[in-house]
Amino acid sequence: MNDQGGGSAPLINQAALFNALVDWVERDVAPDHVVATQNLAGGAVRSRKICKYPDKAVYNGTGSTDDEGSFRCVVHRKVPADLMQEQCRGDPRWSPRPRAAARWRRFAGLAALS
């Protein structure tokens, strides 16, 4: 198992990912994010927060951009189009228009992302 990042991009630690999956399945604790790391020259390590979809990692404005602790996961203010289409697929009441999509979310009991 490759437990450390390397190469040209940060990699997710497989053991940590497996443990997050076990917590989710066995303890009903879904992860908000996992951490990916990359070994840099001179022994430095870059870490990145990988947020659950559709959330995204946003820099806090302070701290190193090579430290996952300098980022937070932010929820989209609206449901991304691809996710909305997937949630509403096959339902004749679904419409790609925003107002209709919002009505459908309320009707279907789907939590609106804020």
Protein backbone atom coordinates (compact mmCIF):
# COMPACT_ATOMS: atom_id res chain seq x y z
CA MET A 1 0.00 0.00 0.00
CA ASN A 2 1.29 3.45 -0.86
CA ASP A 3 0.69 5.28 2.41
CA GLN A 4 2.47 8.50 1.50
CA GLY A 5 1.88 10.97 -1.29
CA GLY A 6 4.41 11.45 -4.02
CA GLY A 7 4.74 12.18 -7.69
CA SER A 8 3.10 15.23 -9.17
CA ALA A 9 -0.01 15.45 -6.96
CA PRO A 10 -1.09 14.72 -3.40
CA LEU A 11 -2.44 11.20 -2.84
CA ILE A 12 -5.00 9.96 -0.34
CA ASN A 13 -3.63 7.64 2.33
CA GLN A 14 -5.31 4.31 1.60
CA ALA A 15 -5.42 3.19 5.24
CA ALA A 16 -7.03 6.49 6.32
CA LEU A 17 -9.55 6.25 3.48
CA PHE A 18 -10.40 2.68 4.47
CA ASN A 19 -10.84 3.72 8.12
CA ALA A 20 -13.16 6.56 7.05
CA LEU A 21 -15.20 4.07 5.02
CA VAL A 22 -15.42 1.67 7.98
CA ASP A 23 -16.59 4.51 10.25
CA TRP A 24 -19.22 5.44 7.69
CA VAL A 25 -20.53 1.90 7.17
CA GLU A 26 -20.25 0.53 10.71
CA ARG A 27 -20.77 3.64 12.84
CA ASP A 28 -22.88 5.79 10.46
CA VAL A 29 -20.29 8.61 10.65
CA ALA A 30 -19.86 9.97 7.12
CA PRO A 31 -16.59 11.83 6.53
CA ASP A 32 -16.74 15.53 5.60
CA HIS A 33 -13.31 15.22 4.04
CA VAL A 34 -10.19 13.08 3.70
CA VAL A 35 -6.61 14.30 3.53
CA ALA A 36 -4.19 13.78 0.66
CA THR A 37 -0.43 14.24 1.10
CA GLN A 38 2.57 14.71 -1.17
CA ASN A 39 6.25 14.49 -0.29
CA LEU A 40 8.14 17.53 -1.56
CA ALA A 41 11.84 18.21 -2.02
CA GLY A 42 13.83 18.73 1.16
CA GLY A 43 11.52 16.57 3.28
CA ALA A 44 8.58 18.98 3.23
CA VAL A 45 5.06 17.57 2.99
CA ARG A 46 2.08 19.14 1.21
CA SER A 47 -1.37 18.16 2.41
CA ARG A 48 -4.74 18.87 0.85
CA LYS A 49 -8.26 18.58 2.19
CA ILE A 50 -10.43 16.57 -0.23
CA CYS A 51 -14.04 17.52 0.56
CA LYS A 52 -17.09 15.38 -0.10
CA TYR A 53 -18.93 16.20 -3.32
CA PRO A 54 -20.35 18.76 -3.98
CA ASP A 55 -18.45 20.67 -1.26
CA LYS A 56 -15.16 22.33 -2.16
CA ALA A 57 -12.00 23.23 -0.25
CA VAL A 58 -11.54 26.98 0.23
CA TYR A 59 -8.40 28.66 1.58
CA ASN A 60 -8.96 30.35 4.97
CA GLY A 61 -6.70 33.25 4.03
CA THR A 62 -4.04 32.48 6.61
CA GLY A 63 -1.46 29.76 7.02
CA SER A 64 0.48 27.75 4.51
CA THR A 65 -1.21 26.72 1.29
CA ASP A 66 0.69 23.43 1.70
CA ASP A 67 -1.24 22.64 4.91
CA GLU A 68 -4.73 21.13 4.77
CA GLY A 69 -5.51 22.91 8.03
CA SER A 70 -5.48 26.21 6.12
CA PHE A 71 -8.57 25.13 4.15
CA ARG A 72 -12.20 24.51 5.04
CA CYS A 73 -14.91 22.60 3.20
CA VAL A 74 -17.63 24.91 1.89
CA VAL A 75 -21.08 23.76 0.79
CA HIS A 76 -22.29 25.01 -2.59
CA ARG A 77 -25.00 27.65 -2.33
CA LYS A 78 -27.06 25.77 -4.92
CA VAL A 79 -27.25 22.21 -6.10
CA PRO A 80 -24.81 21.66 -9.00
CA ALA A 81 -26.59 20.86 -12.28
CA ASP A 82 -25.08 17.37 -12.58
CA LEU A 83 -26.21 16.44 -9.08
CA MET A 84 -29.69 17.88 -9.63
CA GLN A 85 -30.08 15.90 -12.84
CA GLU A 86 -28.99 12.71 -11.08
CA GLN A 87 -31.39 13.27 -8.17
CA CYS A 88 -34.33 13.98 -10.48
CA ARG A 89 -33.56 11.57 -13.32
CA GLY A 90 -36.57 9.82 -14.77
CA ASP A 91 -39.16 11.99 -13.04
CA PRO A 92 -41.41 13.77 -15.55
CA ARG A 93 -41.97 16.64 -13.10
CA TRP A 94 -38.30 17.60 -13.17
CA SER A 95 -37.34 20.71 -15.09
CA PRO A 96 -33.88 22.22 -15.63
CA ARG A 97 -35.36 25.63 -14.76
CA PRO A 98 -34.12 26.82 -11.32
CA ARG A 99 -37.56 27.61 -9.84
CA ALA A 100 -39.01 24.32 -10.96
CA ALA A 101 -35.95 22.48 -9.64
CA ALA A 102 -36.34 24.19 -6.25
CA ARG A 103 -40.01 23.22 -6.09
CA TRP A 104 -39.09 19.65 -6.95
CA ARG A 105 -36.44 19.55 -4.19
CA ARG A 106 -39.01 20.70 -1.64
CA PHE A 107 -41.60 18.21 -2.93
CA ALA A 108 -39.16 15.31 -2.94
CA GLY A 109 -37.80 16.19 0.48
CA LEU A 110 -34.29 16.64 -0.88
CA ALA A 111 -32.21 18.90 1.33
CA ALA A 112 -31.33 22.10 -0.49
CA LEU A 113 -27.65 22.84 -0.23
CA SER A 114 -27.01 26.24 1.27
